[in-house]
């Protein structure tokens, strides 16, 4: 049973990462790279400053939060996960262009 649970957790993580990969591919001028924390509580995006769009970042964040909510209800994500911080940093300078905290239900 434990190996099934571990396999399910790995598959879920791949699904979240694939969502971020797809968002980066569709918005390659905006999202240069991304990083998802092991605890799912932080998503860091490196964004092209010239093409920055908070609407796109908010859309990506909303999609990730929805997935995390499903994972939480299924017991795949830690039940104590209550928030995720989505940050977008500019290429080169590393200063934050966007930072927002989202609740995970």
Protein backbone atom coordinates (compact mmCIF):
# COMPACT_ATOMS: atom_id res chain seq x y z
CA UNK A 1 0.00 0.00 0.00
CA UNK A 2 2.83 2.43 0.83
CA UNK A 3 4.41 1.93 -2.60
CA UNK A 4 1.06 2.73 -4.27
CA UNK A 5 0.80 5.91 -2.21
CA UNK A 6 4.37 6.90 -3.14
CA UNK A 7 3.66 6.21 -6.81
CA UNK A 8 0.51 8.31 -6.62
CA UNK A 9 2.41 11.18 -4.98
CA UNK A 10 5.10 11.03 -7.69
CA UNK A 11 2.46 11.02 -10.42
CA UNK A 12 0.69 13.97 -8.81
CA UNK A 13 3.95 15.95 -8.61
CA UNK A 14 4.60 15.19 -12.29
CA UNK A 15 1.11 16.49 -13.11
CA UNK A 16 1.77 19.78 -11.29
CA UNK A 17 5.18 20.09 -12.95
CA UNK A 18 3.66 19.35 -16.36
CA UNK A 19 1.12 22.15 -15.75
CA UNK A 20 4.03 24.53 -15.09
CA UNK A 21 5.95 23.23 -18.14
CA UNK A 22 2.91 23.76 -20.35
CA UNK A 23 2.39 27.28 -19.00
CA UNK A 24 6.06 28.07 -19.63
CA UNK A 25 5.88 26.66 -23.17
CA UNK A 26 2.72 28.62 -24.03
CA UNK A 27 4.17 31.80 -22.53
CA UNK A 28 7.86 31.39 -23.36
CA UNK A 29 8.43 35.14 -23.70
CA UNK A 30 7.10 35.61 -20.17
CA UNK A 31 8.10 32.50 -18.18
CA UNK A 32 11.76 31.76 -18.71
CA UNK A 33 12.01 29.09 -16.01
CA UNK A 34 10.17 27.91 -12.91
CA UNK A 35 10.75 26.08 -9.64
CA UNK A 36 8.26 24.23 -7.43
CA UNK A 37 9.21 23.71 -3.79
CA UNK A 38 9.21 20.12 -2.48
CA UNK A 39 6.41 21.02 -0.04
CA UNK A 40 4.30 22.68 -2.78
CA UNK A 41 4.19 25.89 -0.74
CA UNK A 42 6.14 28.05 -3.21
CA UNK A 43 6.27 28.47 -6.95
CA UNK A 44 9.06 30.70 -8.23
CA UNK A 45 8.92 31.89 -11.81
CA UNK A 46 11.68 33.70 -13.66
CA UNK A 47 9.92 36.12 -15.98
CA UNK A 48 11.03 38.28 -18.85
CA UNK A 49 10.57 41.84 -17.59
CA UNK A 50 9.72 43.26 -21.03
CA UNK A 51 6.82 40.82 -21.44
CA UNK A 52 5.55 40.65 -17.87
CA UNK A 53 1.81 40.05 -17.50
CA UNK A 54 0.30 39.68 -14.06
CA UNK A 55 -2.83 38.18 -15.67
CA UNK A 56 -0.84 35.24 -17.03
CA UNK A 57 0.94 34.70 -13.71
CA UNK A 58 -2.39 34.84 -11.84
CA UNK A 59 -3.86 32.29 -14.27
CA UNK A 60 -0.91 29.94 -13.73
CA UNK A 61 -1.17 30.40 -9.96
CA UNK A 62 -4.91 29.70 -9.97
CA UNK A 63 -4.40 26.49 -11.93
CA UNK A 64 -1.68 25.29 -9.56
CA UNK A 65 -3.78 26.14 -6.50
CA UNK A 66 -6.72 24.16 -7.90
CA UNK A 67 -4.51 21.14 -8.49
CA UNK A 68 -3.08 21.41 -4.99
CA UNK A 69 -6.59 21.57 -3.55
CA UNK A 70 -7.48 18.34 -5.35
CA UNK A 71 -4.27 16.72 -4.14
CA UNK A 72 -4.99 17.83 -0.60
CA UNK A 73 -8.51 16.38 -0.66
CA UNK A 74 -7.14 13.11 -2.04
CA UNK A 75 -4.52 12.94 0.71
CA UNK A 76 -1.63 13.23 -1.75
CA UNK A 77 -0.57 16.68 -0.55
CA UNK A 78 0.06 17.43 3.12
CA UNK A 79 -3.27 18.24 4.77
CA UNK A 80 -1.59 21.13 6.61
CA UNK A 81 -0.78 22.93 3.35
CA UNK A 82 -2.92 26.03 3.61
CA UNK A 83 -1.15 28.48 1.33
CA UNK A 84 1.14 28.70 -1.65
CA UNK A 85 3.24 31.72 -2.54
CA UNK A 86 3.69 32.48 -6.22
CA UNK A 87 6.57 34.80 -7.05
CA UNK A 88 7.86 36.08 -10.34
CA UNK A 89 11.41 37.36 -10.56
CA UNK A 90 12.93 39.28 -13.42
CA UNK A 91 15.71 37.72 -15.43
CA UNK A 92 19.12 39.14 -14.68
CA UNK A 93 18.37 41.36 -11.69
CA UNK A 94 16.46 38.86 -9.59
CA UNK A 95 14.13 41.47 -8.13
CA UNK A 96 10.53 40.48 -7.58
CA UNK A 97 8.00 41.62 -10.17
CA UNK A 98 5.09 39.83 -8.55
CA UNK A 99 4.46 38.03 -5.28
CA UNK A 100 1.12 36.80 -4.03
CA UNK A 101 -0.06 34.29 -1.47
CA UNK A 102 -2.96 31.99 -2.33
CA UNK A 103 -5.05 29.86 0.02
CA UNK A 104 -5.29 26.14 -0.66
CA UNK A 105 -8.58 24.54 0.34
